[in-house]
Amino acid sequence: MSKKSILSFIKDLPNICSLMGLVCSILAIYFMFIGIYQIAMIGMIWAVGFDWADGIIARKIQNRTKEEKIFGGQLDLLIDIVSYGIAPAILILSFSNFNPLFLLPALIMLIFGVMRLSYFSTFGLSEEAKYTGLAIDNNSIVLVFIFLFSGYFDKIVFSILLGIVGVFLAILNISDIKTPKLSGNPVNVLILSIYIVIITTFYTYSFLVF
């Protein structure tokens, strides 16, 4: 049997969701570079939403082939590196105006994030169906929330706060703590959906007014 073409996997709905999440993350990074952080935060949190959606949809589709499942898993992993490793690292660097002092926390987030994803790709969930270490999507969820308070601090002070929070999250990512798979619970999906709406509304208003 001949192999499927690369582009043929775009027709798989979970992969479409994954790619939409990648678009959100790339847009978030772009707006970080030009200093429009309200839009960047919206992109970051929507990337989480699409990431959760692709898994939910994939679990509901019964007739996916083995190749589609493997391809989707690899695609999701690579996009997670961008969404939860590169994007948060660039957030820390860009908000500090690329101060070299903040290169270390940015690198820690990226390196530990890649290690976290590689570990999960190798070992999967624990015997208790839990993650080993804090699931990396929580990084964006927390940073987007923390950024709500950026206007209450001097920029350098808030940059330090972002760096500290980022390193703390990175350490939790590679720790041995067991955390549940939040996206597998419909209640958590509802909570995230409400959170995304609130975050999007707040940052849109902030962008338009201020």
N, C-alpha and C. Protein backbone atom coordinates (compact mmCIF):
# COMPACT_ATOMS: atom_id res chain seq x y z
N MET A 1 0.84 -1.19 0.00
CA MET A 1 0.00 0.00 0.00
C MET A 1 0.88 1.25 0.00
N SER A 2 0.58 2.22 -0.88
CA SER A 2 1.39 3.42 -0.99
C SER A 2 1.17 4.33 0.21
N LYS A 3 2.20 5.09 0.52
CA LYS A 3 2.10 6.01 1.64
C LYS A 3 1.25 7.22 1.26
N LYS A 4 0.57 7.76 2.27
CA LYS A 4 -0.24 8.95 2.06
C LYS A 4 0.68 10.16 1.87
N SER A 5 0.19 11.13 1.13
CA SER A 5 0.96 12.36 0.96
C SER A 5 0.91 13.18 2.25
N ILE A 6 1.86 14.06 2.41
CA ILE A 6 1.92 14.89 3.61
C ILE A 6 0.66 15.75 3.74
N LEU A 7 0.28 16.38 2.65
CA LEU A 7 -0.86 17.30 2.71
C LEU A 7 -2.19 16.59 2.95
N SER A 8 -2.23 15.28 2.70
CA SER A 8 -3.48 14.55 2.92
C SER A 8 -3.88 14.55 4.38
N PHE A 9 -2.93 14.75 5.30
CA PHE A 9 -3.24 14.74 6.73
C PHE A 9 -3.93 16.03 7.18
N ILE A 10 -3.93 17.05 6.31
CA ILE A 10 -4.63 18.28 6.66
C ILE A 10 -6.13 18.05 6.76
N LYS A 11 -6.64 17.04 6.05
CA LYS A 11 -8.07 16.77 6.07
C LYS A 11 -8.53 16.19 7.41
N ASP A 12 -7.59 15.77 8.24
CA ASP A 12 -7.93 15.20 9.54
C ASP A 12 -8.29 16.34 10.50
N LEU A 13 -9.52 16.35 11.02
CA LEU A 13 -10.01 17.47 11.82
C LEU A 13 -9.13 17.78 13.04
N PRO A 14 -8.67 16.79 13.80
CA PRO A 14 -7.78 17.12 14.91
C PRO A 14 -6.52 17.85 14.46
N ASN A 15 -5.99 17.49 13.29
CA ASN A 15 -4.80 18.17 12.78
C ASN A 15 -5.11 19.61 12.41
N ILE A 16 -6.32 19.85 11.91
CA ILE A 16 -6.73 21.22 11.61
C ILE A 16 -6.71 22.06 12.88
N CYS A 17 -7.24 21.50 13.97
CA CYS A 17 -7.23 22.20 15.26
C CYS A 17 -5.80 22.46 15.72
N SER A 18 -4.94 21.46 15.57
CA SER A 18 -3.54 21.63 15.97
C SER A 18 -2.89 22.76 15.20
N LEU A 19 -3.13 22.80 13.89
CA LEU A 19 -2.53 23.83 13.05
C LEU A 19 -3.10 25.21 13.35
N MET A 20 -4.37 25.27 13.71
CA MET A 20 -4.96 26.54 14.13
C MET A 20 -4.29 27.04 15.41
N GLY A 21 -3.97 26.11 16.31
CA GLY A 21 -3.24 26.48 17.51
C GLY A 21 -1.86 27.02 17.19
N LEU A 22 -1.21 26.42 16.18
CA LEU A 22 0.10 26.89 15.75
C LEU A 22 0.00 28.31 15.19
N VAL A 23 -1.04 28.56 14.40
CA VAL A 23 -1.26 29.91 13.86
C VAL A 23 -1.42 30.92 15.00
N CYS A 24 -2.19 30.55 16.02
CA CYS A 24 -2.39 31.44 17.17
C CYS A 24 -1.06 31.74 17.87
N SER A 25 -0.23 30.72 18.02
CA SER A 25 1.06 30.90 18.69
C SER A 25 2.00 31.77 17.88
N ILE A 26 2.02 31.57 16.57
CA ILE A 26 2.88 32.39 15.72
C ILE A 26 2.43 33.85 15.74
N LEU A 27 1.12 34.06 15.70
CA LEU A 27 0.60 35.42 15.81
C LEU A 27 0.95 36.03 17.16
N ALA A 28 0.85 35.23 18.21
CA ALA A 28 1.22 35.72 19.55
C ALA A 28 2.67 36.17 19.57
N ILE A 29 3.55 35.36 19.00
CA ILE A 29 4.98 35.70 18.96
C ILE A 29 5.21 36.99 18.16
N TYR A 30 4.52 37.10 17.04
CA TYR A 30 4.65 38.30 16.21
C TYR A 30 4.26 39.55 17.00
N PHE A 31 3.12 39.48 17.69
CA PHE A 31 2.66 40.66 18.43
C PHE A 31 3.54 40.93 19.65
N MET A 32 4.22 39.91 20.19
CA MET A 32 5.21 40.16 21.23
C MET A 32 6.36 41.00 20.69
N PHE A 33 6.81 40.66 19.49
CA PHE A 33 7.94 41.37 18.89
C PHE A 33 7.60 42.84 18.63
N ILE A 34 6.36 43.14 18.30
CA ILE A 34 6.00 44.53 18.02
C ILE A 34 5.37 45.21 19.24
N GLY A 35 5.34 44.51 20.36
CA GLY A 35 4.94 45.12 21.62
C GLY A 35 3.45 45.26 21.87
N ILE A 36 2.63 44.53 21.12
CA ILE A 36 1.18 44.58 21.36
C ILE A 36 0.83 43.32 22.16
N TYR A 37 0.99 43.41 23.46
CA TYR A 37 0.89 42.22 24.31
C TYR A 37 -0.55 41.77 24.55
N GLN A 38 -1.50 42.69 24.42
CA GLN A 38 -2.89 42.27 24.59
C GLN A 38 -3.27 41.22 23.55
N ILE A 39 -2.91 41.47 22.30
CA ILE A 39 -3.22 40.52 21.23
C ILE A 39 -2.38 39.25 21.39
N ALA A 40 -1.15 39.42 21.85
CA ALA A 40 -0.28 38.26 22.08
C ALA A 40 -0.89 37.32 23.11
N MET A 41 -1.47 37.89 24.18
CA MET A 41 -2.08 37.06 25.22
C MET A 41 -3.29 36.31 24.69
N ILE A 42 -4.05 36.98 23.83
CA ILE A 42 -5.21 36.32 23.22
C ILE A 42 -4.74 35.14 22.37
N GLY A 43 -3.68 35.35 21.60
CA GLY A 43 -3.14 34.27 20.79
C GLY A 43 -2.66 33.10 21.63
N MET A 44 -2.00 33.39 22.75
CA MET A 44 -1.48 32.33 23.61
C MET A 44 -2.59 31.48 24.20
N ILE A 45 -3.67 32.14 24.66
CA ILE A 45 -4.72 31.36 25.32
C ILE A 45 -5.56 30.60 24.31
N TRP A 46 -5.75 31.16 23.11
CA TRP A 46 -6.47 30.42 22.07
C TRP A 46 -5.67 29.23 21.58
N ALA A 47 -4.36 29.33 21.64
CA ALA A 47 -3.52 28.18 21.28
C ALA A 47 -3.79 27.01 22.23
N VAL A 48 -3.99 27.33 23.51
CA VAL A 48 -4.34 26.29 24.49
C VAL A 48 -5.70 25.69 24.14
N GLY A 49 -6.64 26.56 23.80
CA GLY A 49 -7.98 26.08 23.46
C GLY A 49 -7.96 25.11 22.28
N PHE A 50 -7.25 25.45 21.23
CA PHE A 50 -7.17 24.56 20.07
C PHE A 50 -6.41 23.28 20.40
N ASP A 51 -5.42 23.39 21.30
CA ASP A 51 -4.66 22.21 21.71
C ASP A 51 -5.57 21.22 22.45
N TRP A 52 -6.39 21.73 23.34
CA TRP A 52 -7.34 20.86 24.04
C TRP A 52 -8.36 20.29 23.07
N ALA A 53 -8.81 21.13 22.13
CA ALA A 53 -9.84 20.70 21.19
C ALA A 53 -9.37 19.57 20.30
N ASP A 54 -8.11 19.61 19.86
CA ASP A 54 -7.65 18.55 18.96
C ASP A 54 -7.65 17.19 19.65
N GLY A 55 -7.31 17.17 20.94
CA GLY A 55 -7.34 15.91 21.68
C GLY A 55 -8.75 15.39 21.90
N ILE A 56 -9.65 16.31 22.23
CA ILE A 56 -11.05 15.93 22.46
C ILE A 56 -11.66 15.36 21.18
N ILE A 57 -11.43 16.04 20.06
CA ILE A 57 -11.96 15.58 18.78
C ILE A 57 -11.35 14.25 18.38
N ALA A 58 -10.04 14.12 18.58
CA ALA A 58 -9.35 12.87 18.20
C ALA A 58 -9.91 11.68 18.95
N ARG A 59 -10.23 11.89 20.24
CA ARG A 59 -10.75 10.78 21.04
C ARG A 59 -12.16 10.39 20.62
N LYS A 60 -12.89 11.30 20.00
CA LYS A 60 -14.27 11.02 19.60
C LYS A 60 -14.36 10.38 18.21
N ILE A 61 -13.32 10.53 17.40
CA ILE A 61 -13.33 9.96 16.06
C ILE A 61 -12.93 8.49 16.14
N GLN A 62 -13.78 7.63 15.66
CA GLN A 62 -13.57 6.19 15.81
C GLN A 62 -12.77 5.57 14.66
N ASN A 63 -12.82 6.16 13.49
CA ASN A 63 -12.24 5.51 12.31
C ASN A 63 -10.90 6.09 11.87
N ARG A 64 -10.18 6.75 12.77
CA ARG A 64 -8.86 7.25 12.41
C ARG A 64 -7.89 6.09 12.23
N THR A 65 -7.05 6.17 11.22
CA THR A 65 -6.08 5.10 10.97
C THR A 65 -4.91 5.23 11.94
N LYS A 66 -4.11 4.18 12.01
CA LYS A 66 -2.92 4.19 12.85
C LYS A 66 -1.98 5.31 12.44
N GLU A 67 -1.83 5.48 11.12
CA GLU A 67 -0.94 6.52 10.61
C GLU A 67 -1.44 7.91 10.99
N GLU A 68 -2.75 8.10 10.93
CA GLU A 68 -3.31 9.40 11.30
C GLU A 68 -3.08 9.70 12.78
N LYS A 69 -3.20 8.67 13.61
CA LYS A 69 -2.97 8.86 15.04
C LYS A 69 -1.51 9.21 15.33
N ILE A 70 -0.58 8.49 14.68
CA ILE A 70 0.84 8.75 14.89
C ILE A 70 1.22 10.14 14.39
N PHE A 71 0.74 10.46 13.18
CA PHE A 71 1.04 11.77 12.60
C PHE A 71 0.48 12.88 13.49
N GLY A 72 -0.76 12.72 13.95
CA GLY A 72 -1.38 13.72 14.80
C GLY A 72 -0.65 13.92 16.11
N GLY A 73 -0.17 12.80 16.67
CA GLY A 73 0.58 12.89 17.92
C GLY A 73 1.89 13.64 17.74
N GLN A 74 2.61 13.36 16.65
CA GLN A 74 3.86 14.06 16.38
C GLN A 74 3.63 15.53 16.07
N LEU A 75 2.57 15.81 15.31
CA LEU A 75 2.24 17.20 14.98
C LEU A 75 1.93 17.97 16.25
N ASP A 76 1.15 17.38 17.12
CA ASP A 76 0.77 18.03 18.37
C ASP A 76 2.00 18.32 19.23
N LEU A 77 2.92 17.35 19.27
CA LEU A 77 4.14 17.51 20.07
C LEU A 77 4.98 18.68 19.56
N LEU A 78 5.17 18.74 18.25
CA LEU A 78 6.00 19.80 17.67
C LEU A 78 5.37 21.17 17.87
N ILE A 79 4.05 21.24 17.74
CA ILE A 79 3.36 22.51 17.94
C ILE A 79 3.43 22.93 19.40
N ASP A 80 3.37 21.98 20.32
CA ASP A 80 3.48 22.28 21.75
C ASP A 80 4.83 22.95 22.07
N ILE A 81 5.88 22.56 21.36
CA ILE A 81 7.18 23.18 21.57
C ILE A 81 7.11 24.67 21.25
N VAL A 82 6.40 25.01 20.17
CA VAL A 82 6.24 26.41 19.80
C VAL A 82 5.33 27.14 20.80
N SER A 83 4.18 26.53 21.09
CA SER A 83 3.17 27.19 21.91
C SER A 83 3.59 27.35 23.37
N TYR A 84 4.20 26.32 23.93
CA TYR A 84 4.46 26.31 25.37
C TYR A 84 5.94 26.39 25.74
N GLY A 85 6.80 26.38 24.72
CA GLY A 85 8.23 26.52 24.97
C GLY A 85 8.75 27.82 24.39
N ILE A 86 8.64 27.97 23.09
CA ILE A 86 9.19 29.15 22.41
C ILE A 86 8.40 30.41 22.76
N ALA A 87 7.07 30.35 22.68
CA ALA A 87 6.26 31.55 22.93
C ALA A 87 6.47 32.13 24.33
N PRO A 88 6.40 31.31 25.40
CA PRO A 88 6.65 31.88 26.73
C PRO A 88 8.06 32.43 26.88
N ALA A 89 9.05 31.75 26.26
CA ALA A 89 10.43 32.24 26.34
C ALA A 89 10.56 33.60 25.67
N ILE A 90 9.93 33.76 24.52
CA ILE A 90 9.99 35.04 23.81
C ILE A 90 9.23 36.11 24.60
N LEU A 91 8.15 35.72 25.27
CA LEU A 91 7.41 36.67 26.10
C LEU A 91 8.32 37.28 27.17
N ILE A 92 9.06 36.44 27.86
CA ILE A 92 9.97 36.90 28.90
C ILE A 92 11.05 37.81 28.32
N LEU A 93 11.60 37.42 27.18
CA LEU A 93 12.67 38.21 26.56
C LEU A 93 12.15 39.53 26.00
N SER A 94 11.04 39.47 25.27
CA SER A 94 10.56 40.68 24.59
C SER A 94 10.06 41.71 25.58
N PHE A 95 9.38 41.27 26.65
CA PHE A 95 8.85 42.24 27.60
C PHE A 95 9.98 42.96 28.34
N SER A 96 11.13 42.30 28.45
CA SER A 96 12.29 42.93 29.09
C SER A 96 13.14 43.71 28.09
N ASN A 97 12.59 43.90 26.88
CA ASN A 97 13.32 44.56 25.78
C ASN A 97 14.60 43.81 25.44
N PHE A 98 14.52 42.49 25.54
CA PHE A 98 15.61 41.58 25.19
C PHE A 98 16.87 41.87 26.01
N ASN A 99 16.62 42.19 27.27
CA ASN A 99 17.72 42.36 28.22
C ASN A 99 18.42 41.01 28.39
N PRO A 100 19.74 40.95 28.19
CA PRO A 100 20.45 39.66 28.26
C PRO A 100 20.33 38.96 29.62
N LEU A 101 20.00 39.72 30.67
CA LEU A 101 19.83 39.11 31.98
C LEU A 101 18.65 38.15 32.01
N PHE A 102 17.70 38.34 31.08
CA PHE A 102 16.52 37.49 31.06
C PHE A 102 16.65 36.33 30.08
N LEU A 103 17.83 36.19 29.50
CA LEU A 103 18.07 35.07 28.60
C LEU A 103 18.04 33.75 29.36
N LEU A 104 18.58 33.75 30.58
CA LEU A 104 18.63 32.52 31.38
C LEU A 104 17.25 31.97 31.70
N PRO A 105 16.32 32.75 32.27
CA PRO A 105 14.98 32.19 32.52
C PRO A 105 14.28 31.77 31.24
N ALA A 106 14.50 32.49 30.15
CA ALA A 106 13.88 32.11 28.87
C ALA A 106 14.42 30.76 28.40
N LEU A 107 15.73 30.57 28.52
CA LEU A 107 16.34 29.31 28.11
C LEU A 107 15.89 28.16 29.01
N ILE A 108 15.77 28.43 30.30
CA ILE A 108 15.30 27.40 31.23
C ILE A 108 13.90 26.94 30.85
N MET A 109 13.02 27.89 30.56
CA MET A 109 11.66 27.53 30.16
C MET A 109 11.66 26.68 28.90
N LEU A 110 12.47 27.08 27.93
CA LEU A 110 12.49 26.37 26.65
C LEU A 110 13.11 24.99 26.79
N ILE A 111 14.26 24.90 27.47
CA ILE A 111 14.96 23.62 27.61
C ILE A 111 14.14 22.64 28.45
N PHE A 112 13.64 23.10 29.59
CA PHE A 112 12.85 22.22 30.44
C PHE A 112 11.55 21.82 29.76
N GLY A 113 10.99 22.76 28.97
CA GLY A 113 9.75 22.45 28.25
C GLY A 113 9.97 21.35 27.22
N VAL A 114 11.06 21.44 26.48
CA VAL A 114 11.38 20.41 25.49
C VAL A 114 11.62 19.07 26.16
N MET A 115 12.31 19.08 27.30
CA MET A 115 12.55 17.85 28.04
C MET A 115 11.24 17.25 28.54
N ARG A 116 10.34 18.12 29.02
CA ARG A 116 9.03 17.67 29.51
C ARG A 116 8.23 16.99 28.39
N LEU A 117 8.23 17.60 27.23
CA LEU A 117 7.48 17.04 26.10
C LEU A 117 8.12 15.74 25.61
N SER A 118 9.44 15.68 25.60
CA SER A 118 10.12 14.46 25.17
C SER A 118 9.84 13.31 26.14
N TYR A 119 9.80 13.63 27.43
CA TYR A 119 9.50 12.60 28.44
C TYR A 119 8.10 12.05 28.24
N PHE A 120 7.14 12.95 28.04
CA PHE A 120 5.77 12.49 27.84
C PHE A 120 5.64 11.69 26.55
N SER A 121 6.34 12.12 25.51
CA SER A 121 6.30 11.40 24.24
C SER A 121 6.85 9.99 24.39
N THR A 122 7.81 9.83 25.32
CA THR A 122 8.45 8.52 25.53
C THR A 122 7.63 7.62 26.45
N PHE A 123 7.14 8.18 27.57
CA PHE A 123 6.53 7.36 28.61
C PHE A 123 5.01 7.53 28.72
N GLY A 124 4.47 8.62 28.17
CA GLY A 124 3.03 8.82 28.25
C GLY A 124 2.57 9.11 29.67
N LEU A 125 1.31 8.80 29.94
CA LEU A 125 0.75 9.01 31.27
C LEU A 125 1.25 7.94 32.23
N SER A 126 1.20 8.24 33.52
CA SER A 126 1.61 7.29 34.54
C SER A 126 0.55 6.19 34.69
N GLU A 127 0.82 5.22 35.56
CA GLU A 127 -0.13 4.13 35.78
C GLU A 127 -1.46 4.63 36.34
N GLU A 128 -1.40 5.80 37.01
CA GLU A 128 -2.63 6.40 37.55
C GLU A 128 -3.32 7.30 36.53
N ALA A 129 -2.88 7.20 35.26
CA ALA A 129 -3.42 8.04 34.17
C ALA A 129 -3.22 9.52 34.47
N LYS A 130 -2.06 9.84 35.04
CA LYS A 130 -1.71 11.22 35.33
C LYS A 130 -0.40 11.58 34.65
N TYR A 131 -0.19 12.89 34.48
CA TYR A 131 1.08 13.37 33.93
C TYR A 131 2.15 13.29 35.02
N THR A 132 3.37 13.04 34.60
CA THR A 132 4.52 13.21 35.49
C THR A 132 5.06 14.61 35.23
N GLY A 133 4.99 15.46 36.25
CA GLY A 133 5.33 16.86 36.06
C GLY A 133 4.11 17.66 35.65
N LEU A 134 4.19 18.96 35.84
CA LEU A 134 3.09 19.84 35.46
C LEU A 134 2.95 19.86 33.94
N ALA A 135 1.73 19.58 33.46
CA ALA A 135 1.49 19.62 32.02
C ALA A 135 1.86 21.00 31.48
N ILE A 136 2.56 21.03 30.36
CA ILE A 136 3.19 22.27 29.89
C ILE A 136 2.19 23.30 29.40
N ASP A 137 0.96 22.90 29.07
CA ASP A 137 -0.02 23.90 28.65
C ASP A 137 -0.40 24.85 29.79
N ASN A 138 -0.18 24.37 31.03
CA ASN A 138 -0.44 25.23 32.19
C ASN A 138 0.45 26.47 32.20
N ASN A 139 1.62 26.38 31.57
CA ASN A 139 2.53 27.53 31.52
C ASN A 139 1.84 28.73 30.88
N SER A 140 1.21 28.50 29.74
CA SER A 140 0.54 29.61 29.05
C SER A 140 -0.68 30.09 29.83
N ILE A 141 -1.42 29.14 30.40
CA ILE A 141 -2.61 29.51 31.17
C ILE A 141 -2.23 30.44 32.32
N VAL A 142 -1.15 30.11 33.02
CA VAL A 142 -0.70 30.91 34.17
C VAL A 142 -0.11 32.24 33.72
N LEU A 143 0.75 32.24 32.70
CA LEU A 143 1.40 33.47 32.26
C LEU A 143 0.39 34.48 31.72
N VAL A 144 -0.61 33.99 31.00
CA VAL A 144 -1.64 34.89 30.49
C VAL A 144 -2.41 35.54 31.65
N PHE A 145 -2.63 34.78 32.71
CA PHE A 145 -3.30 35.33 33.89
C PHE A 145 -2.39 36.35 34.60
N ILE A 146 -1.13 35.99 34.81
CA ILE A 146 -0.19 36.88 35.48
C ILE A 146 -0.08 38.22 34.74
N PHE A 147 -0.13 38.13 33.41
CA PHE A 147 0.05 39.33 32.61
C PHE A 147 -1.09 40.33 32.78
N LEU A 148 -2.21 39.89 33.33
CA LEU A 148 -3.31 40.80 33.62
C LEU A 148 -2.87 41.94 34.54
N PHE A 149 -1.84 41.70 35.35
CA PHE A 149 -1.41 42.66 36.36
C PHE A 149 -0.17 43.45 35.93
N SER A 150 0.20 43.34 34.66
CA SER A 150 1.42 44.01 34.19
C SER A 150 1.36 45.52 34.34
N GLY A 151 0.15 46.09 34.25
CA GLY A 151 0.03 47.54 34.35
C GLY A 151 0.20 48.09 35.74
N TYR A 152 0.23 47.22 36.74
CA TYR A 152 0.35 47.67 38.12
C TYR A 152 1.79 47.70 38.61
N PHE A 153 2.73 47.32 37.77
CA PHE A 153 4.13 47.25 38.16
C PHE A 153 5.00 48.05 37.19
N ASP A 154 6.13 48.50 37.69
CA ASP A 154 7.17 49.02 36.81
C ASP A 154 7.59 47.92 35.85
N LYS A 155 7.95 48.28 34.61
CA LYS A 155 8.21 47.28 33.59
C LYS A 155 9.33 46.32 33.98
N ILE A 156 10.42 46.84 34.53
CA ILE A 156 11.54 45.96 34.89
C ILE A 156 11.16 45.05 36.05
N VAL A 157 10.36 45.57 36.98
CA VAL A 157 9.90 44.75 38.11
C VAL A 157 9.01 43.62 37.61
N PHE A 158 8.11 43.95 36.68
CA PHE A 158 7.22 42.91 36.16
C PHE A 158 8.00 41.92 35.30
N SER A 159 9.04 42.38 34.61
CA SER A 159 9.89 41.47 33.84
C SER A 159 10.55 40.45 34.75
N ILE A 160 11.00 40.92 35.91
CA ILE A 160 11.61 40.00 36.89
C ILE A 160 10.57 39.01 37.40
N LEU A 161 9.37 39.52 37.66
CA LEU A 161 8.28 38.64 38.12
C LEU A 161 7.98 37.57 37.07
N LEU A 162 7.90 37.97 35.81
CA LEU A 162 7.65 37.00 34.73
C LEU A 162 8.74 35.95 34.69
N GLY A 163 9.99 36.39 34.83
CA GLY A 163 11.11 35.45 34.81
C GLY A 163 11.04 34.46 35.95
N ILE A 164 10.71 34.95 37.14
CA ILE A 164 10.62 34.07 38.31
C ILE A 164 9.50 33.05 38.14
N VAL A 165 8.33 33.54 37.72
CA VAL A 165 7.19 32.64 37.49
C VAL A 165 7.52 31.63 36.41
N GLY A 166 8.18 32.08 35.35
CA GLY A 166 8.54 31.17 34.27
C GLY A 166 9.46 30.06 34.72
N VAL A 167 10.48 30.41 35.50
CA VAL A 167 11.41 29.40 36.01
C VAL A 167 10.70 28.44 36.96
N PHE A 168 9.83 28.96 37.80
CA PHE A 168 9.07 28.12 38.73
C PHE A 168 8.21 27.12 37.97
N LEU A 169 7.53 27.58 36.94
CA LEU A 169 6.71 26.69 36.12
C LEU A 169 7.58 25.63 35.43
N ALA A 170 8.74 26.06 34.93
CA ALA A 170 9.64 25.14 34.25
C ALA A 170 10.12 24.02 35.19
N ILE A 171 10.41 24.39 36.43
CA ILE A 171 10.82 23.39 37.42
C ILE A 171 9.70 22.41 37.69
N LEU A 172 8.47 22.92 37.78
CA LEU A 172 7.32 22.03 37.98
C LEU A 172 7.13 21.12 36.76
N ASN A 173 7.42 21.61 35.57
CA ASN A 173 7.28 20.81 34.35
C ASN A 173 8.11 19.54 34.41
N ILE A 174 9.32 19.63 34.97
CA ILE A 174 10.22 18.47 34.98
C ILE A 174 10.27 17.76 36.33
N SER A 175 9.39 18.18 37.24
CA SER A 175 9.36 17.55 38.56
C SER A 175 8.67 16.19 38.48
N ASP A 176 8.67 15.49 39.60
CA ASP A 176 8.03 14.17 39.68
C ASP A 176 6.60 14.24 40.21
N ILE A 177 6.07 15.43 40.34
CA ILE A 177 4.68 15.54 40.82
C ILE A 177 3.73 14.93 39.80
N LYS A 178 2.63 14.39 40.26
CA LYS A 178 1.62 13.80 39.39
C LYS A 178 0.45 14.77 39.26
N THR A 179 0.11 15.10 38.05
CA THR A 179 -1.01 16.02 37.80
C THR A 179 -2.01 15.37 36.86
N PRO A 180 -3.29 15.62 37.07
CA PRO A 180 -4.33 14.98 36.24
C PRO A 180 -4.36 15.56 34.83
N LYS A 181 -4.91 14.79 33.91
CA LYS A 181 -5.11 15.26 32.54
C LYS A 181 -6.37 16.11 32.51
N LEU A 182 -6.20 17.42 32.62
CA LEU A 182 -7.33 18.33 32.78
C LEU A 182 -8.27 18.30 31.58
N SER A 183 -7.72 18.16 30.38
CA SER A 183 -8.57 18.22 29.18
C SER A 183 -9.48 17.01 29.04
N GLY A 184 -9.26 15.99 29.85
CA GLY A 184 -10.10 14.80 29.79
C GLY A 184 -11.38 14.92 30.59
N ASN A 185 -11.52 16.02 31.33
CA ASN A 185 -12.70 16.24 32.18
C ASN A 185 -13.57 17.33 31.56
N PRO A 186 -14.83 17.03 31.24
CA PRO A 186 -15.72 18.03 30.62
C PRO A 186 -15.87 19.30 31.44
N VAL A 187 -15.81 19.18 32.76
CA VAL A 187 -15.93 20.37 33.62
C VAL A 187 -14.75 21.29 33.38
N ASN A 188 -13.55 20.71 33.29
CA ASN A 188 -12.36 21.51 33.05
C ASN A 188 -12.40 22.17 31.66
N VAL A 189 -12.95 21.45 30.70
CA VAL A 189 -13.08 22.01 29.35
C VAL A 189 -14.00 23.23 29.38
N LEU A 190 -15.10 23.13 30.14
CA LEU A 190 -16.03 24.25 30.28
C LEU A 190 -15.33 25.43 30.97
N ILE A 191 -14.59 25.13 32.03
CA ILE A 191 -13.87 26.19 32.76
C ILE A 191 -12.87 26.89 31.84
N LEU A 192 -12.13 26.11 31.06
CA LEU A 192 -11.17 26.71 30.13
C LEU A 192 -11.89 27.58 29.09
N SER A 193 -13.02 27.09 28.59
CA SER A 193 -13.78 27.85 27.60
C SER A 193 -14.21 29.20 28.15
N ILE A 194 -14.70 29.19 29.39
CA ILE A 194 -15.12 30.45 30.05
C ILE A 194 -13.90 31.35 30.25
N TYR A 195 -12.81 30.75 30.65
CA TYR A 195 -11.55 31.49 30.88
C TYR A 195 -11.09 32.16 29.59
N ILE A 196 -11.15 31.43 28.47
CA ILE A 196 -10.74 31.98 27.18
C ILE A 196 -11.62 33.17 26.80
N VAL A 197 -12.92 33.04 27.02
CA VAL A 197 -13.85 34.14 26.70
C VAL A 197 -13.52 35.37 27.54
N ILE A 198 -13.30 35.16 28.85
CA ILE A 198 -13.00 36.28 29.75
C ILE A 198 -11.68 36.94 29.35
N ILE A 199 -10.65 36.13 29.12
CA ILE A 199 -9.34 36.66 28.75
C ILE A 199 -9.42 37.42 27.44
N THR A 200 -10.11 36.84 26.45
CA THR A 200 -10.23 37.49 25.15
C THR A 200 -10.97 38.82 25.27
N THR A 201 -12.04 38.83 26.05
CA THR A 201 -12.82 40.06 26.24
C THR A 201 -11.99 41.13 26.94
N PHE A 202 -11.29 40.74 27.99
CA PHE A 202 -10.50 41.71 28.76
C PHE A 202 -9.39 42.32 27.91
N TYR A 203 -8.63 41.47 27.24
CA TYR A 203 -7.49 41.99 26.48
C TYR A 203 -7.94 42.75 25.23
N THR A 204 -9.05 42.35 24.64
CA THR A 204 -9.59 43.10 23.51
C THR A 204 -10.01 44.50 23.95
N TYR A 205 -10.70 44.56 25.07
CA TYR A 205 -11.12 45.86 25.63
C TYR A 205 -9.89 46.70 25.97
N SER A 206 -8.91 46.08 26.60
CA SER A 206 -7.69 46.80 26.98
C SER A 206 -6.96 47.35 25.75
N PHE A 207 -6.94 46.57 24.68
CA PHE A 207 -6.27 46.99 23.45
C PHE A 207 -7.01 48.16 22.80
N LEU A 208 -8.33 48.09 22.77
CA LEU A 208 -9.12 49.10 22.09
C LEU A 208 -9.18 50.41 22.87
N VAL A 209 -9.18 50.29 24.19
CA VAL A 209 -9.34 51.50 25.04
C VAL A 209 -8.03 52.17 25.35
N PHE A 210 -7.01 51.35 25.64
CA PHE A 210 -5.75 51.92 26.08
C PHE A 210 -4.68 51.94 24.99
